[in-house]
PDB file of all heavy atoms in Angstrom:
ATOM      1  N   THR A   1       6.806  -1.685 -14.654  1.00  0.00           N
ATOM      2  CA  THR A   1       7.758  -2.299 -15.577  1.00  0.00           C
ATOM      3  C   THR A   1       8.886  -2.943 -14.790  1.00  0.00           C
ATOM      4  O   THR A   1       9.192  -2.542 -13.675  1.00  0.00           O
ATOM      5  CB  THR A   1       8.343  -1.272 -16.553  1.00  0.00           C
ATOM      6  OG1 THR A   1       9.060  -0.272 -15.866  1.00  0.00           O
ATOM      7  CG2 THR A   1       7.280  -0.637 -17.401  1.00  0.00           C
ATOM      8  N   SER A   2       9.518  -3.914 -15.452  1.00  0.00           N
ATOM      9  CA  SER A   2      10.667  -4.580 -14.896  1.00  0.00           C
ATOM     10  C   SER A   2      11.705  -4.804 -15.983  1.00  0.00           C
ATOM     11  O   SER A   2      11.404  -5.398 -17.000  1.00  0.00           O
ATOM     12  CB  SER A   2      10.282  -5.941 -14.260  1.00  0.00           C
ATOM     13  OG  SER A   2      11.403  -6.630 -13.782  1.00  0.00           O
ATOM     14  N   SER A   3      12.877  -4.268 -15.782  1.00  0.00           N
ATOM     15  CA  SER A   3      13.924  -4.404 -16.779  1.00  0.00           C
ATOM     16  C   SER A   3      14.548  -5.811 -16.708  1.00  0.00           C
ATOM     17  O   SER A   3      14.283  -6.552 -15.786  1.00  0.00           O
ATOM     18  CB  SER A   3      15.012  -3.367 -16.567  1.00  0.00           C
ATOM     19  OG  SER A   3      15.825  -3.682 -15.418  1.00  0.00           O
ATOM     20  N   SER A   4      15.320  -6.106 -17.695  1.00  0.00           N
ATOM     21  CA  SER A   4      15.947  -7.448 -17.705  1.00  0.00           C
ATOM     22  C   SER A   4      16.859  -7.676 -16.500  1.00  0.00           C
ATOM     23  O   SER A   4      17.057  -8.794 -16.096  1.00  0.00           O
ATOM     24  CB  SER A   4      16.772  -7.600 -19.017  1.00  0.00           C
ATOM     25  OG  SER A   4      17.753  -6.601 -19.135  1.00  0.00           O
ATOM     26  N   GLY A   5      17.399  -6.582 -15.952  1.00  0.00           N
ATOM     27  CA  GLY A   5      18.220  -6.682 -14.762  1.00  0.00           C
ATOM     28  C   GLY A   5      17.452  -6.598 -13.482  1.00  0.00           C
ATOM     29  O   GLY A   5      18.074  -6.689 -12.392  1.00  0.00           O
ATOM     30  N   GLY A   6      16.147  -6.396 -13.545  1.00  0.00           N
ATOM     31  CA  GLY A   6      15.313  -6.403 -12.354  1.00  0.00           C
ATOM     32  C   GLY A   6      14.928  -5.012 -11.824  1.00  0.00           C
ATOM     33  O   GLY A   6      14.229  -4.952 -10.788  1.00  0.00           O
ATOM     34  N   SER A   7      15.359  -3.958 -12.456  1.00  0.00           N
ATOM     35  CA  SER A   7      14.953  -2.637 -12.019  1.00  0.00           C
ATOM     36  C   SER A   7      13.448  -2.468 -12.283  1.00  0.00           C
ATOM     37  O   SER A   7      12.964  -2.871 -13.329  1.00  0.00           O
ATOM     38  CB  SER A   7      15.722  -1.551 -12.762  1.00  0.00           C
ATOM     39  OG  SER A   7      17.098  -1.648 -12.449  1.00  0.00           O
ATOM     40  N   THR A   8      12.759  -1.813 -11.401  1.00  0.00           N
ATOM     41  CA  THR A   8      11.303  -1.692 -11.486  1.00  0.00           C
ATOM     42  C   THR A   8      10.888  -0.247 -11.411  1.00  0.00           C
ATOM     43  O   THR A   8      11.543   0.618 -10.800  1.00  0.00           O
ATOM     44  CB  THR A   8      10.604  -2.465 -10.364  1.00  0.00           C
ATOM     45  OG1 THR A   8      11.033  -1.980  -9.078  1.00  0.00           O
ATOM     46  CG2 THR A   8      10.937  -3.957 -10.459  1.00  0.00           C
ATOM     47  N   ASN A   9       9.737   0.027 -12.037  1.00  0.00           N
ATOM     48  CA  ASN A   9       9.073   1.300 -11.954  1.00  0.00           C
ATOM     49  C   ASN A   9       7.575   1.075 -11.823  1.00  0.00           C
ATOM     50  O   ASN A   9       7.052   0.096 -12.358  1.00  0.00           O
ATOM     51  CB  ASN A   9       9.369   2.146 -13.210  1.00  0.00           C
ATOM     52  CG  ASN A   9      10.788   2.710 -13.218  1.00  0.00           C
ATOM     53  OD1 ASN A   9      11.104   3.605 -12.456  1.00  0.00           O
ATOM     54  ND2 ASN A   9      11.609   2.148 -14.069  1.00  0.00           N
ATOM     55  N   TYR A  10       6.922   2.008 -11.154  1.00  0.00           N
ATOM     56  CA  TYR A  10       5.492   1.897 -10.870  1.00  0.00           C
ATOM     57  C   TYR A  10       4.773   3.193 -11.146  1.00  0.00           C
ATOM     58  O   TYR A  10       5.320   4.275 -10.927  1.00  0.00           O
ATOM     59  CB  TYR A  10       5.226   1.461  -9.437  1.00  0.00           C
ATOM     60  CG  TYR A  10       5.793   0.139  -9.039  1.00  0.00           C
ATOM     61  CD1 TYR A  10       7.066   0.032  -8.508  1.00  0.00           C
ATOM     62  CD2 TYR A  10       5.035  -1.019  -9.211  1.00  0.00           C
ATOM     63  CE1 TYR A  10       7.585  -1.203  -8.196  1.00  0.00           C
ATOM     64  CE2 TYR A  10       5.530  -2.267  -8.870  1.00  0.00           C
ATOM     65  CZ  TYR A  10       6.825  -2.344  -8.332  1.00  0.00           C
ATOM     66  OH  TYR A  10       7.325  -3.581  -8.026  1.00  0.00           O
ATOM     67  N   ALA A  11       3.560   3.077 -11.580  1.00  0.00           N
ATOM     68  CA  ALA A  11       2.683   4.232 -11.627  1.00  0.00           C
ATOM     69  C   ALA A  11       2.387   4.724 -10.215  1.00  0.00           C
ATOM     70  O   ALA A  11       2.332   3.903  -9.267  1.00  0.00           O
ATOM     71  CB  ALA A  11       1.380   3.894 -12.327  1.00  0.00           C
ATOM     72  N   ASP A  12       2.253   6.026 -10.055  1.00  0.00           N
ATOM     73  CA  ASP A  12       1.982   6.559  -8.746  1.00  0.00           C
ATOM     74  C   ASP A  12       0.721   5.979  -8.089  1.00  0.00           C
ATOM     75  O   ASP A  12       0.679   5.800  -6.868  1.00  0.00           O
ATOM     76  CB  ASP A  12       1.823   8.105  -8.825  1.00  0.00           C
ATOM     77  CG  ASP A  12       3.146   8.816  -9.098  1.00  0.00           C
ATOM     78  OD1 ASP A  12       4.217   8.211  -8.891  1.00  0.00           O
ATOM     79  OD2 ASP A  12       3.097   9.967  -9.521  1.00  0.00           O
ATOM     80  N   SER A  13      -0.238   5.639  -8.894  1.00  0.00           N
ATOM     81  CA  SER A  13      -1.491   5.159  -8.383  1.00  0.00           C
ATOM     82  C   SER A  13      -1.405   3.763  -7.741  1.00  0.00           C
ATOM     83  O   SER A  13      -2.257   3.382  -6.967  1.00  0.00           O
ATOM     84  CB  SER A  13      -2.581   5.126  -9.464  1.00  0.00           C
ATOM     85  OG  SER A  13      -2.156   4.289 -10.555  1.00  0.00           O
ATOM     86  N   VAL A  14      -0.349   3.039  -8.053  1.00  0.00           N
ATOM     87  CA  VAL A  14      -0.195   1.683  -7.511  1.00  0.00           C
ATOM     88  C   VAL A  14       1.018   1.499  -6.658  1.00  0.00           C
ATOM     89  O   VAL A  14       1.190   0.428  -6.038  1.00  0.00           O
ATOM     90  CB  VAL A  14      -0.193   0.622  -8.636  1.00  0.00           C
ATOM     91  CG1 VAL A  14      -1.392   0.776  -9.544  1.00  0.00           C
ATOM     92  CG2 VAL A  14       1.102   0.720  -9.458  1.00  0.00           C
ATOM     93  N   LYS A  15       1.851   2.513  -6.601  1.00  0.00           N
ATOM     94  CA  LYS A  15       3.076   2.425  -5.826  1.00  0.00           C
ATOM     95  C   LYS A  15       2.783   2.132  -4.372  1.00  0.00           C
ATOM     96  O   LYS A  15       1.917   2.766  -3.751  1.00  0.00           O
ATOM     97  CB  LYS A  15       3.860   3.747  -5.955  1.00  0.00           C
ATOM     98  CG  LYS A  15       5.260   3.655  -5.391  1.00  0.00           C
ATOM     99  CD  LYS A  15       6.037   4.948  -5.652  1.00  0.00           C
ATOM    100  CE  LYS A  15       7.461   4.877  -5.135  1.00  0.00           C
ATOM    101  NZ  LYS A  15       8.195   6.148  -5.399  1.00  0.00           N
ATOM    102  N   GLY A  16       3.456   1.136  -3.836  1.00  0.00           N
ATOM    103  CA  GLY A  16       3.262   0.725  -2.454  1.00  0.00           C
ATOM    104  C   GLY A  16       2.211  -0.362  -2.312  1.00  0.00           C
ATOM    105  O   GLY A  16       2.099  -0.938  -1.234  1.00  0.00           O
ATOM    106  N   ARG A  17       1.460  -0.603  -3.377  1.00  0.00           N
ATOM    107  CA  ARG A  17       0.406  -1.633  -3.309  1.00  0.00           C
ATOM    108  C   ARG A  17       0.699  -2.815  -4.232  1.00  0.00           C
ATOM    109  O   ARG A  17       0.380  -3.946  -3.906  1.00  0.00           O
ATOM    110  CB  ARG A  17      -0.956  -1.035  -3.661  1.00  0.00           C
ATOM    111  CG  ARG A  17      -1.418   0.038  -2.698  1.00  0.00           C
ATOM    112  CD  ARG A  17      -2.856   0.435  -2.983  1.00  0.00           C
ATOM    113  NE  ARG A  17      -3.015   1.024  -4.297  1.00  0.00           N
ATOM    114  CZ  ARG A  17      -3.831   0.526  -5.229  1.00  0.00           C
ATOM    115  NH1 ARG A  17      -4.560  -0.565  -5.002  1.00  0.00           N
ATOM    116  NH2 ARG A  17      -3.944   1.129  -6.419  1.00  0.00           N
ATOM    117  N   PHE A  18       1.276  -2.541  -5.399  1.00  0.00           N
ATOM    118  CA  PHE A  18       1.549  -3.559  -6.407  1.00  0.00           C
ATOM    119  C   PHE A  18       3.045  -3.844  -6.429  1.00  0.00           C
ATOM    120  O   PHE A  18       3.873  -2.953  -6.193  1.00  0.00           O
ATOM    121  CB  PHE A  18       1.102  -3.121  -7.815  1.00  0.00           C
ATOM    122  CG  PHE A  18      -0.389  -2.984  -7.984  1.00  0.00           C
ATOM    123  CD1 PHE A  18      -1.266  -3.089  -6.937  1.00  0.00           C
ATOM    124  CD2 PHE A  18      -0.890  -2.701  -9.260  1.00  0.00           C
ATOM    125  CE1 PHE A  18      -2.635  -2.983  -7.134  1.00  0.00           C
ATOM    126  CE2 PHE A  18      -2.256  -2.556  -9.466  1.00  0.00           C
ATOM    127  CZ  PHE A  18      -3.123  -2.705  -8.413  1.00  0.00           C
ATOM    128  N   THR A  19       3.392  -5.076  -6.782  1.00  0.00           N
ATOM    129  CA  THR A  19       4.772  -5.475  -6.921  1.00  0.00           C
ATOM    130  C   THR A  19       4.965  -6.268  -8.192  1.00  0.00           C
ATOM    131  O   THR A  19       4.257  -7.276  -8.395  1.00  0.00           O
ATOM    132  CB  THR A  19       5.222  -6.333  -5.714  1.00  0.00           C
ATOM    133  OG1 THR A  19       5.015  -5.590  -4.500  1.00  0.00           O
ATOM    134  CG2 THR A  19       6.704  -6.661  -5.839  1.00  0.00           C
ATOM    135  N   ILE A  20       5.875  -5.840  -9.025  1.00  0.00           N
ATOM    136  CA  ILE A  20       6.209  -6.580 -10.218  1.00  0.00           C
ATOM    137  C   ILE A  20       7.487  -7.382  -9.966  1.00  0.00           C
ATOM    138  O   ILE A  20       8.402  -6.936  -9.318  1.00  0.00           O
ATOM    139  CB  ILE A  20       6.379  -5.652 -11.461  1.00  0.00           C
ATOM    140  CG1 ILE A  20       6.488  -6.468 -12.765  1.00  0.00           C
ATOM    141  CG2 ILE A  20       7.567  -4.717 -11.286  1.00  0.00           C
ATOM    142  CD1 ILE A  20       6.449  -5.614 -14.013  1.00  0.00           C
ATOM    143  N   SER A  21       7.520  -8.598 -10.526  1.00  0.00           N
ATOM    144  CA  SER A  21       8.685  -9.444 -10.372  1.00  0.00           C
ATOM    145  C   SER A  21       8.773 -10.340 -11.607  1.00  0.00           C
ATOM    146  O   SER A  21       7.847 -10.406 -12.390  1.00  0.00           O
ATOM    147  CB  SER A  21       8.647 -10.285  -9.091  1.00  0.00           C
ATOM    148  OG  SER A  21       7.509 -11.135  -9.117  1.00  0.00           O
ATOM    149  N   ARG A  22       9.912 -10.974 -11.782  1.00  0.00           N
ATOM    150  CA  ARG A  22      10.081 -11.832 -12.942  1.00  0.00           C
ATOM    151  C   ARG A  22      10.945 -13.016 -12.593  1.00  0.00           C
ATOM    152  O   ARG A  22      11.829 -12.940 -11.712  1.00  0.00           O
ATOM    153  CB  ARG A  22      10.622 -11.050 -14.127  1.00  0.00           C
ATOM    154  CG  ARG A  22      12.022 -10.507 -13.957  1.00  0.00           C
ATOM    155  CD  ARG A  22      12.357  -9.462 -15.007  1.00  0.00           C
ATOM    156  NE  ARG A  22      12.456 -10.064 -16.341  1.00  0.00           N
ATOM    157  CZ  ARG A  22      12.497  -9.348 -17.470  1.00  0.00           C
ATOM    158  NH1 ARG A  22      12.415  -8.046 -17.427  1.00  0.00           N
ATOM    159  NH2 ARG A  22      12.652  -9.960 -18.624  1.00  0.00           N
ATOM    160  N   ASP A  23      10.728 -14.106 -13.315  1.00  0.00           N
ATOM    161  CA  ASP A  23      11.532 -15.287 -13.235  1.00  0.00           C
ATOM    162  C   ASP A  23      12.052 -15.518 -14.625  1.00  0.00           C
ATOM    163  O   ASP A  23      11.374 -16.048 -15.492  1.00  0.00           O
ATOM    164  CB  ASP A  23      10.723 -16.476 -12.734  1.00  0.00           C
ATOM    165  CG  ASP A  23      11.535 -17.714 -12.502  1.00  0.00           C
ATOM    166  OD1 ASP A  23      12.623 -17.844 -13.111  1.00  0.00           O
ATOM    167  OD2 ASP A  23      11.131 -18.579 -11.697  1.00  0.00           O
ATOM    168  N   ASN A  24      13.308 -15.114 -14.858  1.00  0.00           N
ATOM    169  CA  ASN A  24      13.871 -15.181 -16.190  1.00  0.00           C
ATOM    170  C   ASN A  24      14.003 -16.647 -16.708  1.00  0.00           C
ATOM    171  O   ASN A  24      13.911 -16.900 -17.896  1.00  0.00           O
ATOM    172  CB  ASN A  24      15.209 -14.473 -16.265  1.00  0.00           C
ATOM    173  CG  ASN A  24      15.081 -12.966 -16.106  1.00  0.00           C
ATOM    174  OD1 ASN A  24      14.110 -12.350 -16.582  1.00  0.00           O
ATOM    175  ND2 ASN A  24      16.062 -12.342 -15.457  1.00  0.00           N
ATOM    176  N   ALA A  25      14.251 -17.547 -15.803  1.00  0.00           N
ATOM    177  CA  ALA A  25      14.382 -18.949 -16.178  1.00  0.00           C
ATOM    178  C   ALA A  25      13.046 -19.493 -16.742  1.00  0.00           C
ATOM    179  O   ALA A  25      13.041 -20.403 -17.546  1.00  0.00           O
ATOM    180  CB  ALA A  25      14.856 -19.811 -15.003  1.00  0.00           C
ATOM    181  N   LYS A  26      11.933 -18.937 -16.292  1.00  0.00           N
ATOM    182  CA  LYS A  26      10.630 -19.367 -16.727  1.00  0.00           C
ATOM    183  C   LYS A  26      10.042 -18.406 -17.790  1.00  0.00           C
ATOM    184  O   LYS A  26       8.919 -18.625 -18.246  1.00  0.00           O
ATOM    185  CB  LYS A  26       9.674 -19.459 -15.562  1.00  0.00           C
ATOM    186  CG  LYS A  26      10.055 -20.514 -14.530  1.00  0.00           C
ATOM    187  CD  LYS A  26       9.025 -20.546 -13.424  1.00  0.00           C
ATOM    188  CE  LYS A  26       9.393 -21.613 -12.406  1.00  0.00           C
ATOM    189  NZ  LYS A  26       8.425 -21.644 -11.246  1.00  0.00           N
ATOM    190  N   ASN A  27      10.778 -17.352 -18.139  1.00  0.00           N
ATOM    191  CA  ASN A  27      10.259 -16.313 -19.054  1.00  0.00           C
ATOM    192  C   ASN A  27       8.874 -15.820 -18.606  1.00  0.00           C
ATOM    193  O   ASN A  27       7.953 -15.678 -19.413  1.00  0.00           O
ATOM    194  CB  ASN A  27      10.186 -16.854 -20.478  1.00  0.00           C
ATOM    195  CG  ASN A  27      11.529 -16.969 -21.147  1.00  0.00           C
ATOM    196  OD1 ASN A  27      12.448 -16.172 -20.844  1.00  0.00           O
ATOM    197  ND2 ASN A  27      11.678 -17.941 -22.049  1.00  0.00           N
ATOM    198  N   THR A  28       8.773 -15.556 -17.331  1.00  0.00           N
ATOM    199  CA  THR A  28       7.509 -15.174 -16.745  1.00  0.00           C
ATOM    200  C   THR A  28       7.656 -13.932 -15.916  1.00  0.00           C
ATOM    201  O   THR A  28       8.634 -13.746 -15.173  1.00  0.00           O
ATOM    202  CB  THR A  28       6.969 -16.330 -15.859  1.00  0.00           C
ATOM    203  OG1 THR A  28       6.780 -17.493 -16.658  1.00  0.00           O
ATOM    204  CG2 THR A  28       5.622 -15.936 -15.242  1.00  0.00           C
ATOM    205  N   VAL A  29       6.678 -13.055 -16.014  1.00  0.00           N
ATOM    206  CA  VAL A  29       6.602 -11.863 -15.168  1.00  0.00           C
ATOM    207  C   VAL A  29       5.317 -11.908 -14.376  1.00  0.00           C
ATOM    208  O   VAL A  29       4.328 -12.418 -14.837  1.00  0.00           O
ATOM    209  CB  VAL A  29       6.683 -10.555 -16.019  1.00  0.00           C
ATOM    210  CG1 VAL A  29       5.478 -10.447 -16.956  1.00  0.00           C
ATOM    211  CG2 VAL A  29       6.804  -9.353 -15.149  1.00  0.00           C
ATOM    212  N   TYR A  30       5.408 -11.399 -13.153  1.00  0.00           N
ATOM    213  CA  TYR A  30       4.276 -11.454 -12.220  1.00  0.00           C
ATOM    214  C   TYR A  30       3.901 -10.034 -11.780  1.00  0.00           C
ATOM    215  O   TYR A  30       4.732  -9.129 -11.787  1.00  0.00           O
ATOM    216  CB  TYR A  30       4.622 -12.273 -10.989  1.00  0.00           C
ATOM    217  CG  TYR A  30       5.117 -13.664 -11.302  1.00  0.00           C
ATOM    218  CD1 TYR A  30       6.478 -13.924 -11.393  1.00  0.00           C
ATOM    219  CD2 TYR A  30       4.218 -14.733 -11.427  1.00  0.00           C
ATOM    220  CE1 TYR A  30       6.940 -15.204 -11.647  1.00  0.00           C
ATOM    221  CE2 TYR A  30       4.686 -16.005 -11.668  1.00  0.00           C
ATOM    222  CZ  TYR A  30       6.047 -16.233 -11.796  1.00  0.00           C
ATOM    223  OH  TYR A  30       6.505 -17.501 -12.029  1.00  0.00           O
ATOM    224  N   LEU A  31       2.667  -9.905 -11.361  1.00  0.00           N
ATOM    225  CA  LEU A  31       2.230  -8.665 -10.735  1.00  0.00           C
ATOM    226  C   LEU A  31       1.372  -9.044  -9.536  1.00  0.00           C
ATOM    227  O   LEU A  31       0.344  -9.695  -9.683  1.00  0.00           O
ATOM    228  CB  LEU A  31       1.414  -7.799 -11.705  1.00  0.00           C
ATOM    229  CG  LEU A  31       1.034  -6.436 -11.156  1.00  0.00           C
ATOM    230  CD1 LEU A  31       2.250  -5.549 -11.006  1.00  0.00           C
ATOM    231  CD2 LEU A  31      -0.028  -5.746 -12.036  1.00  0.00           C
ATOM    232  N   ARG A  32       1.871  -8.690  -8.374  1.00  0.00           N
ATOM    233  CA  ARG A  32       1.127  -8.881  -7.122  1.00  0.00           C
ATOM    234  C   ARG A  32       0.330  -7.598  -6.837  1.00  0.00           C
ATOM    235  O   ARG A  32       0.929  -6.534  -6.731  1.00  0.00           O
ATOM    236  CB  ARG A  32       2.047  -9.202  -5.969  1.00  0.00           C
ATOM    237  CG  ARG A  32       1.389  -9.380  -4.628  1.00  0.00           C
ATOM    238  CD  ARG A  32       0.558 -10.677  -4.608  1.00  0.00           C
ATOM    239  NE  ARG A  32      -0.059 -10.871  -3.312  1.00  0.00           N
ATOM    240  CZ  ARG A  32      -0.862 -11.908  -3.009  1.00  0.00           C
ATOM    241  NH1 ARG A  32      -1.144 -12.806  -3.955  1.00  0.00           N
ATOM    242  NH2 ARG A  32      -1.395 -12.003  -1.802  1.00  0.00           N
ATOM    243  N   LEU A  33      -0.955  -7.751  -6.714  1.00  0.00           N
ATOM    244  CA  LEU A  33      -1.831  -6.621  -6.470  1.00  0.00           C
ATOM    245  C   LEU A  33      -2.390  -6.732  -5.072  1.00  0.00           C
ATOM    246  O   LEU A  33      -3.218  -7.627  -4.802  1.00  0.00           O
ATOM    247  CB  LEU A  33      -2.966  -6.568  -7.486  1.00  0.00           C
ATOM    248  CG  LEU A  33      -2.672  -6.443  -8.967  1.00  0.00           C
ATOM    249  CD1 LEU A  33      -2.236  -7.789  -9.563  1.00  0.00           C
ATOM    250  CD2 LEU A  33      -3.903  -5.948  -9.704  1.00  0.00           C
ATOM    251  N   ASN A  34      -1.971  -5.875  -4.179  1.00  0.00           N
ATOM    252  CA  ASN A  34      -2.443  -5.850  -2.809  1.00  0.00           C
ATOM    253  C   ASN A  34      -3.315  -4.614  -2.565  1.00  0.00           C
ATOM    254  O   ASN A  34      -3.241  -3.639  -3.306  1.00  0.00           O
ATOM    255  CB  ASN A  34      -1.293  -5.830  -1.826  1.00  0.00           C
ATOM    256  CG  ASN A  34      -0.511  -7.135  -1.800  1.00  0.00           C
ATOM    257  OD1 ASN A  34      -1.061  -8.207  -2.015  1.00  0.00           O
ATOM    258  ND2 ASN A  34       0.781  -7.070  -1.449  1.00  0.00           N
ATOM    259  N   SER A  35      -4.082  -4.667  -1.515  1.00  0.00           N
ATOM    260  CA  SER A  35      -4.913  -3.558  -1.107  1.00  0.00           C
ATOM    261  C   SER A  35      -5.728  -2.995  -2.267  1.00  0.00           C
ATOM    262  O   SER A  35      -5.746  -1.787  -2.531  1.00  0.00           O
ATOM    263  CB  SER A  35      -4.058  -2.439  -0.468  1.00  0.00           C
ATOM    264  OG  SER A  35      -3.309  -2.916   0.642  1.00  0.00           O
ATOM    265  N   LEU A  36      -6.396  -3.877  -2.965  1.00  0.00           N
ATOM    266  CA  LEU A  36      -7.068  -3.481  -4.188  1.00  0.00           C
ATOM    267  C   LEU A  36      -8.222  -2.510  -3.912  1.00  0.00           C
ATOM    268  O   LEU A  36      -8.911  -2.620  -2.890  1.00  0.00           O
ATOM    269  CB  LEU A  36      -7.561  -4.728  -4.902  1.00  0.00           C
ATOM    270  CG  LEU A  36      -6.471  -5.449  -5.697  1.00  0.00           C
ATOM    271  CD1 LEU A  36      -6.920  -6.858  -6.026  1.00  0.00           C
ATOM    272  CD2 LEU A  36      -6.175  -4.690  -7.012  1.00  0.00           C
ATOM    273  N   LYS A  37      -8.376  -1.610  -4.852  1.00  0.00           N
ATOM    274  CA  LYS A  37      -9.456  -0.612  -4.802  1.00  0.00           C
ATOM    275  C   LYS A  37     -10.360  -0.783  -5.997  1.00  0.00           C
ATOM    276  O   LYS A  37      -9.925  -1.258  -7.044  1.00  0.00           O
ATOM    277  CB  LYS A  37      -8.868   0.809  -4.798  1.00  0.00           C
ATOM    278  CG  LYS A  37      -7.844   1.061  -3.688  1.00  0.00           C
ATOM    279  CD  LYS A  37      -7.188   2.408  -3.853  1.00  0.00           C
ATOM    280  CE  LYS A  37      -6.141   2.677  -2.807  1.00  0.00           C
ATOM    281  NZ  LYS A  37      -5.503   4.016  -2.997  1.00  0.00           N
ATOM    282  N   PRO A  38     -11.616  -0.323  -5.898  1.00  0.00           N
ATOM    283  CA  PRO A  38     -12.495  -0.430  -7.074  1.00  0.00           C
ATOM    284  C   PRO A  38     -11.900   0.257  -8.292  1.00  0.00           C
ATOM    285  O   PRO A  38     -12.155  -0.231  -9.413  1.00  0.00           O
ATOM    286  CB  PRO A  38     -13.753   0.282  -6.604  1.00  0.00           C
ATOM    287  CG  PRO A  38     -13.776   0.035  -5.114  1.00  0.00           C
ATOM    288  CD  PRO A  38     -12.338   0.108  -4.702  1.00  0.00           C
ATOM    289  N   GLU A  39     -11.163   1.313  -8.161  1.00  0.00           N
ATOM    290  CA  GLU A  39     -10.567   2.001  -9.289  1.00  0.00           C
ATOM    291  C   GLU A  39      -9.455   1.219  -9.942  1.00  0.00           C
ATOM    292  O   GLU A  39      -8.968   1.617 -11.026  1.00  0.00           O
ATOM    293  CB  GLU A  39     -10.065   3.408  -8.885  1.00  0.00           C
ATOM    294  CG  GLU A  39      -9.166   3.424  -7.666  1.00  0.00           C
ATOM    295  CD  GLU A  39      -9.921   3.795  -6.410  1.00  0.00           C
ATOM    296  OE1 GLU A  39     -11.010   3.243  -6.159  1.00  0.00           O
ATOM    297  OE2 GLU A  39      -9.403   4.614  -5.633  1.00  0.00           O
TER     298      GLU A  39
END
């Protein structure tokens, strides 16, 4: 999750691998998924 102010939280299973970000001017949120696993 990403709050309107940019604070983020992650599930333990993805912490350190995924990154959430947002561009408020574009009303867009992103999720970068690195080191992907089959699960």
